């Protein structure tokens, strides 16, 4: 499955099938959250949260691709990610784009 952030795919004509999306809400366990709180006092990267968000993006993207596969899409154009805080230590990540089939 080709996934691109661009609207056009050079040299390819396609038909739009529709919007596809995938989402997840991730959180870290209390130990990681406590460690991140301590880290925020001295500064630096909160690696536990970085890992959590990377995992969440991967899950959201997989779910978006699964939805596109159900539509028998060849590609997803205009792919984007959106993130929002749900509560302290938890975030929603959504992947969305336009499923297309090549002519």
N, C-alpha and C. Protein backbone atom coordinates (compact mmCIF):
# COMPACT_ATOMS: atom_id res chain seq x y z
N UNK A 1 0.85 -1.18 0.00
CA UNK A 1 0.00 0.00 0.00
C UNK A 1 0.89 1.24 0.00
N UNK A 2 0.71 2.06 -1.00
CA UNK A 2 1.43 3.33 -1.07
C UNK A 2 0.71 4.35 -0.21
N UNK A 3 1.45 5.01 0.68
CA UNK A 3 0.89 6.06 1.53
C UNK A 3 1.73 7.30 1.29
N UNK A 4 1.06 8.39 0.94
CA UNK A 4 1.78 9.63 0.66
C UNK A 4 1.04 10.82 1.29
N UNK A 5 1.81 11.83 1.66
CA UNK A 5 1.21 13.04 2.20
C UNK A 5 0.82 14.01 1.09
N UNK A 6 1.23 13.71 -0.13
CA UNK A 6 0.91 14.60 -1.26
C UNK A 6 -0.46 14.27 -1.83
N UNK A 7 -1.02 15.23 -2.55
CA UNK A 7 -2.33 15.02 -3.16
C UNK A 7 -2.21 14.25 -4.48
N UNK A 8 -1.12 14.47 -5.18
CA UNK A 8 -0.91 13.82 -6.47
C UNK A 8 0.22 12.79 -6.37
N UNK A 9 0.10 11.74 -7.18
CA UNK A 9 1.17 10.76 -7.33
C UNK A 9 1.68 10.93 -8.75
N UNK A 10 2.91 11.41 -8.90
CA UNK A 10 3.43 11.68 -10.24
C UNK A 10 3.32 10.47 -11.17
N UNK A 11 2.75 10.72 -12.35
CA UNK A 11 2.64 9.67 -13.37
C UNK A 11 1.49 8.70 -13.15
N UNK A 12 0.65 8.92 -12.15
CA UNK A 12 -0.46 7.99 -11.87
C UNK A 12 -1.78 8.73 -11.90
N UNK A 13 -2.76 8.11 -12.51
CA UNK A 13 -4.13 8.62 -12.45
C UNK A 13 -4.91 7.69 -11.54
N UNK A 14 -5.81 8.28 -10.76
CA UNK A 14 -6.56 7.45 -9.84
C UNK A 14 -7.97 7.98 -9.63
N UNK A 15 -8.77 7.10 -9.07
CA UNK A 15 -10.14 7.41 -8.72
C UNK A 15 -10.23 7.44 -7.20
N UNK A 16 -10.94 8.39 -6.66
CA UNK A 16 -11.09 8.51 -5.21
C UNK A 16 -12.15 7.54 -4.72
N UNK A 17 -11.80 6.77 -3.69
CA UNK A 17 -12.74 5.83 -3.08
C UNK A 17 -13.40 6.41 -1.83
N UNK A 18 -12.67 7.23 -1.09
CA UNK A 18 -13.24 7.83 0.11
C UNK A 18 -12.22 8.02 1.21
N UNK A 19 -12.68 8.58 2.30
CA UNK A 19 -11.82 8.84 3.45
C UNK A 19 -11.60 7.55 4.23
N UNK A 20 -10.37 7.36 4.69
CA UNK A 20 -10.05 6.23 5.56
C UNK A 20 -9.38 6.79 6.81
N UNK A 21 -9.57 6.07 7.92
CA UNK A 21 -9.00 6.55 9.18
C UNK A 21 -8.68 5.37 10.09
N UNK A 22 -7.84 5.65 11.04
CA UNK A 22 -7.53 4.69 12.09
C UNK A 22 -7.15 5.48 13.33
N UNK A 23 -7.55 4.98 14.50
CA UNK A 23 -7.28 5.72 15.73
C UNK A 23 -6.96 4.76 16.87
N UNK A 24 -6.28 5.29 17.86
CA UNK A 24 -6.01 4.56 19.09
C UNK A 24 -5.81 5.56 20.22
N UNK A 25 -6.06 5.10 21.42
CA UNK A 25 -5.75 5.89 22.62
C UNK A 25 -4.75 5.08 23.42
N UNK A 26 -3.62 5.69 23.72
CA UNK A 26 -2.54 5.00 24.42
C UNK A 26 -2.25 5.71 25.74
N UNK A 27 -1.79 4.92 26.71
CA UNK A 27 -1.34 5.50 27.97
C UNK A 27 -0.16 4.68 28.49
N UNK A 28 0.58 5.28 29.37
CA UNK A 28 1.70 4.59 30.03
C UNK A 28 1.28 4.19 31.42
N UNK A 29 1.89 3.13 31.94
CA UNK A 29 1.54 2.70 33.29
C UNK A 29 2.10 3.68 34.33
N UNK A 30 1.62 3.58 35.53
CA UNK A 30 1.91 4.55 36.59
C UNK A 30 3.41 4.72 36.85
N UNK A 31 4.18 3.64 36.75
CA UNK A 31 5.63 3.74 36.97
C UNK A 31 6.30 4.63 35.94
N UNK A 32 5.92 4.45 34.67
CA UNK A 32 6.48 5.29 33.61
C UNK A 32 6.02 6.73 33.77
N UNK A 33 4.76 6.92 34.17
CA UNK A 33 4.23 8.26 34.34
C UNK A 33 4.95 8.98 35.48
N UNK A 34 5.22 8.27 36.56
CA UNK A 34 5.95 8.84 37.69
C UNK A 34 7.37 9.22 37.28
N UNK A 35 8.03 8.32 36.52
CA UNK A 35 9.39 8.60 36.03
C UNK A 35 9.42 9.81 35.11
N UNK A 36 8.39 9.95 34.28
CA UNK A 36 8.31 11.11 33.38
C UNK A 36 8.13 12.39 34.18
N UNK A 37 7.36 12.32 35.27
CA UNK A 37 7.18 13.49 36.12
C UNK A 37 8.49 13.94 36.73
N UNK A 38 9.30 12.99 37.18
CA UNK A 38 10.62 13.32 37.73
C UNK A 38 11.53 13.91 36.65
N UNK A 39 11.48 13.33 35.46
CA UNK A 39 12.31 13.80 34.35
C UNK A 39 11.95 15.23 33.97
N UNK A 40 10.68 15.59 34.09
CA UNK A 40 10.27 16.94 33.70
C UNK A 40 10.86 18.00 34.62
N UNK A 41 11.28 17.60 35.80
CA UNK A 41 11.91 18.54 36.73
C UNK A 41 13.28 18.97 36.23
N UNK A 42 14.05 18.01 35.69
CA UNK A 42 15.42 18.31 35.25
C UNK A 42 15.51 18.59 33.75
N UNK A 43 14.47 18.26 33.02
CA UNK A 43 14.46 18.51 31.58
C UNK A 43 14.97 17.32 30.79
N UNK A 44 14.75 17.36 29.49
CA UNK A 44 15.20 16.29 28.60
C UNK A 44 14.02 15.56 27.99
N UNK A 45 14.35 14.64 27.12
CA UNK A 45 13.32 13.88 26.41
C UNK A 45 12.64 12.89 27.35
N UNK A 46 11.33 12.81 27.23
CA UNK A 46 10.56 11.84 27.99
C UNK A 46 10.41 10.60 27.11
N UNK A 47 11.42 9.73 27.15
CA UNK A 47 11.50 8.61 26.21
C UNK A 47 10.31 7.66 26.31
N UNK A 48 9.76 7.49 27.51
CA UNK A 48 8.58 6.64 27.65
C UNK A 48 7.42 7.15 26.84
N UNK A 49 7.23 8.47 26.85
CA UNK A 49 6.14 9.07 26.07
C UNK A 49 6.47 9.06 24.58
N UNK A 50 7.72 9.25 24.24
CA UNK A 50 8.12 9.18 22.83
C UNK A 50 7.80 7.79 22.28
N UNK A 51 8.16 6.76 23.03
CA UNK A 51 7.88 5.39 22.61
C UNK A 51 6.37 5.14 22.52
N UNK A 52 5.62 5.65 23.49
CA UNK A 52 4.17 5.49 23.49
C UNK A 52 3.56 6.11 22.24
N UNK A 53 3.99 7.32 21.88
CA UNK A 53 3.43 8.00 20.71
C UNK A 53 3.83 7.32 19.41
N UNK A 54 5.06 6.82 19.35
CA UNK A 54 5.51 6.09 18.15
C UNK A 54 4.67 4.83 17.96
N UNK A 55 4.43 4.12 19.05
CA UNK A 55 3.58 2.92 18.99
C UNK A 55 2.15 3.29 18.57
N UNK A 56 1.62 4.36 19.13
CA UNK A 56 0.27 4.79 18.80
C UNK A 56 0.15 5.17 17.33
N UNK A 57 1.13 5.87 16.80
CA UNK A 57 1.10 6.24 15.38
C UNK A 57 1.11 5.00 14.50
N UNK A 58 1.91 4.01 14.88
CA UNK A 58 1.96 2.76 14.12
C UNK A 58 0.63 2.04 14.11
N UNK A 59 -0.02 1.96 15.27
CA UNK A 59 -1.33 1.30 15.36
C UNK A 59 -2.37 2.05 14.55
N UNK A 60 -2.40 3.37 14.67
CA UNK A 60 -3.38 4.18 13.92
C UNK A 60 -3.16 4.02 12.42
N UNK A 61 -1.91 4.01 11.99
CA UNK A 61 -1.62 3.84 10.56
C UNK A 61 -2.06 2.46 10.08
N UNK A 62 -1.79 1.42 10.86
CA UNK A 62 -2.21 0.06 10.49
C UNK A 62 -3.72 -0.02 10.34
N UNK A 63 -4.44 0.61 11.23
CA UNK A 63 -5.91 0.59 11.16
C UNK A 63 -6.42 1.37 9.95
N UNK A 64 -5.75 2.47 9.61
CA UNK A 64 -6.12 3.23 8.41
C UNK A 64 -5.90 2.37 7.16
N UNK A 65 -4.76 1.70 7.10
CA UNK A 65 -4.45 0.84 5.95
C UNK A 65 -5.44 -0.31 5.86
N UNK A 66 -5.82 -0.90 6.99
CA UNK A 66 -6.80 -1.99 6.99
C UNK A 66 -8.12 -1.52 6.40
N UNK A 67 -8.54 -0.31 6.75
CA UNK A 67 -9.77 0.25 6.20
C UNK A 67 -9.65 0.46 4.69
N UNK A 68 -8.49 0.93 4.26
CA UNK A 68 -8.25 1.13 2.82
C UNK A 68 -8.24 -0.21 2.08
N UNK A 69 -7.66 -1.23 2.70
CA UNK A 69 -7.65 -2.56 2.08
C UNK A 69 -9.05 -3.11 1.91
N UNK A 70 -9.94 -2.85 2.86
CA UNK A 70 -11.34 -3.29 2.75
C UNK A 70 -12.01 -2.65 1.54
N UNK A 71 -11.55 -1.45 1.17
CA UNK A 71 -12.10 -0.74 0.02
C UNK A 71 -11.38 -1.13 -1.27
N UNK A 72 -10.40 -2.03 -1.15
CA UNK A 72 -9.55 -2.48 -2.26
C UNK A 72 -8.77 -1.32 -2.88
N UNK A 73 -8.31 -0.41 -2.04
CA UNK A 73 -7.53 0.75 -2.48
C UNK A 73 -6.11 0.33 -2.86
N UNK A 74 -5.52 1.08 -3.76
CA UNK A 74 -4.13 0.89 -4.14
C UNK A 74 -3.20 1.81 -3.35
N UNK A 75 -3.75 2.93 -2.88
CA UNK A 75 -2.92 3.92 -2.21
C UNK A 75 -3.78 4.80 -1.31
N UNK A 76 -3.10 5.53 -0.43
CA UNK A 76 -3.74 6.55 0.39
C UNK A 76 -2.98 7.84 0.14
N UNK A 77 -3.70 8.86 -0.31
CA UNK A 77 -3.09 10.17 -0.56
C UNK A 77 -3.53 11.14 0.53
N UNK A 78 -2.80 12.22 0.66
CA UNK A 78 -3.09 13.26 1.66
C UNK A 78 -3.13 12.69 3.07
N UNK A 79 -2.25 11.75 3.38
CA UNK A 79 -2.23 11.12 4.70
C UNK A 79 -1.77 12.12 5.75
N UNK A 80 -2.43 12.10 6.90
CA UNK A 80 -2.13 13.00 8.00
C UNK A 80 -2.27 12.27 9.32
N UNK A 81 -1.63 12.82 10.35
CA UNK A 81 -1.78 12.35 11.73
C UNK A 81 -2.31 13.50 12.56
N UNK A 82 -3.14 13.16 13.53
CA UNK A 82 -3.66 14.12 14.48
C UNK A 82 -3.50 13.54 15.87
N UNK A 83 -3.13 14.38 16.83
CA UNK A 83 -2.93 13.93 18.20
C UNK A 83 -3.67 14.85 19.15
N UNK A 84 -4.28 14.26 20.16
CA UNK A 84 -4.91 15.08 21.20
C UNK A 84 -4.76 14.39 22.55
N UNK A 85 -4.59 15.20 23.58
CA UNK A 85 -4.49 14.68 24.94
C UNK A 85 -5.89 14.33 25.43
N UNK A 86 -6.04 13.15 25.96
CA UNK A 86 -7.33 12.70 26.49
C UNK A 86 -7.39 12.98 28.00
N UNK A 87 -6.28 12.68 28.66
CA UNK A 87 -6.11 12.93 30.09
C UNK A 87 -4.62 12.88 30.35
N UNK A 88 -4.19 13.19 31.55
CA UNK A 88 -2.75 13.16 31.83
C UNK A 88 -2.22 11.75 31.60
N UNK A 89 -1.21 11.65 30.76
CA UNK A 89 -0.59 10.36 30.50
C UNK A 89 -1.25 9.55 29.41
N UNK A 90 -2.30 10.07 28.76
CA UNK A 90 -2.99 9.35 27.70
C UNK A 90 -3.23 10.28 26.52
N UNK A 91 -3.06 9.74 25.32
CA UNK A 91 -3.25 10.54 24.11
C UNK A 91 -3.95 9.73 23.04
N UNK A 92 -4.76 10.42 22.25
CA UNK A 92 -5.39 9.80 21.09
C UNK A 92 -4.56 10.17 19.86
N UNK A 93 -4.31 9.20 19.02
CA UNK A 93 -3.64 9.45 17.75
C UNK A 93 -4.57 8.95 16.65
N UNK A 94 -4.79 9.80 15.66
CA UNK A 94 -5.62 9.43 14.53
C UNK A 94 -4.81 9.59 13.25
N UNK A 95 -4.90 8.60 12.38
CA UNK A 95 -4.31 8.68 11.05
C UNK A 95 -5.48 8.73 10.07
N UNK A 96 -5.39 9.61 9.08
CA UNK A 96 -6.47 9.70 8.11
C UNK A 96 -5.93 10.14 6.76
N UNK A 97 -6.67 9.80 5.72
CA UNK A 97 -6.28 10.16 4.37
C UNK A 97 -7.38 9.79 3.40
N UNK A 98 -7.08 9.86 2.11
CA UNK A 98 -8.03 9.55 1.06
C UNK A 98 -7.58 8.29 0.34
N UNK A 99 -8.43 7.27 0.35
CA UNK A 99 -8.15 6.01 -0.34
C UNK A 99 -8.42 6.19 -1.83
N UNK A 100 -7.51 5.68 -2.65
CA UNK A 100 -7.65 5.80 -4.10
C UNK A 100 -7.34 4.45 -4.77
N UNK A 101 -7.88 4.29 -5.98
CA UNK A 101 -7.57 3.12 -6.79
C UNK A 101 -7.02 3.62 -8.12
N UNK A 102 -5.94 2.99 -8.58
CA UNK A 102 -5.31 3.41 -9.83
C UNK A 102 -6.16 3.03 -11.03
N UNK A 103 -6.15 3.92 -12.03
CA UNK A 103 -6.88 3.65 -13.30
C UNK A 103 -6.03 2.80 -14.20
